[in-house]
Amino acid sequence: MVMRNRNDGADARRWWDDLPPRVRTRVASPETETHEQPAPDTERLFSPGELVRDLSRLALLFFVIVVANMLFLVLVLALLHT
């Protein structure tokens, strides 16, 4: 069962009181550990040659799928026409 807010639309500033106590204490307590940001890598994920090769493989895969679909449809049409 869902518990309704005490202040549905009337006073939006008191939303903190509607939270369960354990959630309030977990959110309110400051983090004890500091998270260090890793240094950004300056190298690229893909070189231009790898990117072109991968995209051409994808285009070839789509072309093969289109050709296979066309052959299937022509075969079905030939079987239905007879």
Protein backbone atom coordinates (compact mmCIF):
# COMPACT_ATOMS: atom_id res chain seq x y z
CA MET A 1 0.00 0.00 0.00
CA VAL A 2 1.31 3.43 -0.89
CA MET A 3 1.39 6.06 1.82
CA ARG A 4 0.11 9.42 0.70
CA ASN A 5 2.13 12.52 1.37
CA ARG A 6 0.91 14.64 4.22
CA ASN A 7 1.17 17.77 2.14
CA ASP A 8 0.01 16.79 -1.32
CA GLY A 9 0.69 19.98 -3.20
CA ALA A 10 0.01 22.30 -0.29
CA ASP A 11 3.53 22.69 1.08
CA ALA A 12 6.25 21.19 -1.08
CA ARG A 13 9.01 22.40 1.24
CA ARG A 14 8.25 19.70 3.84
CA TRP A 15 8.95 16.73 1.54
CA TRP A 16 11.88 15.77 3.73
CA ASP A 17 9.51 14.77 6.56
CA ASP A 18 7.75 12.27 4.32
CA LEU A 19 10.89 10.17 3.85
CA PRO A 20 11.42 7.07 6.00
CA PRO A 21 13.83 7.67 8.90
CA ARG A 22 16.54 5.31 7.61
CA VAL A 23 16.57 7.04 4.22
CA ARG A 24 16.81 10.44 5.88
CA THR A 25 19.80 9.40 8.00
CA ARG A 26 21.56 7.76 5.05
CA VAL A 27 21.10 10.77 2.79
CA ALA A 28 21.82 13.36 5.48
CA SER A 29 25.08 11.83 6.69
CA PRO A 30 28.12 13.14 4.83
CA GLU A 31 30.24 10.66 2.94
CA THR A 32 33.33 9.60 4.84
CA GLU A 33 35.28 8.58 1.77
CA THR A 34 36.38 11.02 -0.87
CA HIS A 35 36.10 9.79 -4.41
CA GLU A 36 39.04 10.73 -6.56
CA GLN A 37 38.31 11.51 -10.16
CA PRO A 38 40.49 9.46 -12.51
CA ALA A 39 42.58 11.42 -14.94
CA PRO A 40 40.95 11.60 -18.36
CA ASP A 41 42.63 9.49 -20.99
CA THR A 42 43.91 11.44 -23.94
CA GLU A 43 44.04 8.50 -26.31
CA ARG A 44 41.14 7.81 -28.66
CA LEU A 45 38.87 4.80 -28.36
CA PHE A 46 39.07 4.10 -32.09
CA SER A 47 41.58 5.10 -34.67
CA PRO A 48 40.05 6.41 -37.91
CA GLY A 49 41.06 3.20 -39.72
CA GLU A 50 39.37 0.96 -37.13
CA LEU A 51 36.23 3.09 -37.22
CA VAL A 52 35.98 2.89 -41.02
CA ARG A 53 36.59 -0.86 -40.95
CA ASP A 54 33.92 -1.45 -38.29
CA LEU A 55 31.37 0.75 -40.05
CA SER A 56 32.03 -0.97 -43.37
CA ARG A 57 31.51 -4.35 -41.71
CA LEU A 58 28.20 -3.11 -40.31
CA ALA A 59 27.13 -1.79 -43.73
CA LEU A 60 28.09 -5.12 -45.32
CA LEU A 61 26.05 -6.99 -42.70
CA PHE A 62 23.00 -4.84 -43.44
CA PHE A 63 23.47 -5.40 -47.18
CA VAL A 64 23.64 -9.19 -46.67
CA ILE A 65 20.46 -9.09 -44.60
CA VAL A 66 18.67 -7.06 -47.29
CA VAL A 67 19.77 -9.47 -50.02
CA ALA A 68 18.66 -12.47 -47.94
CA ASN A 69 15.25 -10.86 -47.33
CA MET A 70 14.83 -10.08 -51.02
CA LEU A 71 15.70 -13.65 -52.01
CA PHE A 72 13.23 -14.99 -49.47
CA LEU A 73 10.46 -12.72 -50.74
CA VAL A 74 11.15 -13.64 -54.38
CA LEU A 75 11.04 -17.34 -53.44
CA VAL A 76 7.73 -16.89 -51.60
CA LEU A 77 6.31 -14.91 -54.52
CA ALA A 78 7.39 -17.63 -56.95
CA LEU A 79 5.73 -20.31 -54.84
CA LEU A 80 2.51 -18.32 -54.51
CA HIS A 81 2.36 -17.44 -58.20
CA THR A 82 2.36 -21.06 -59.35
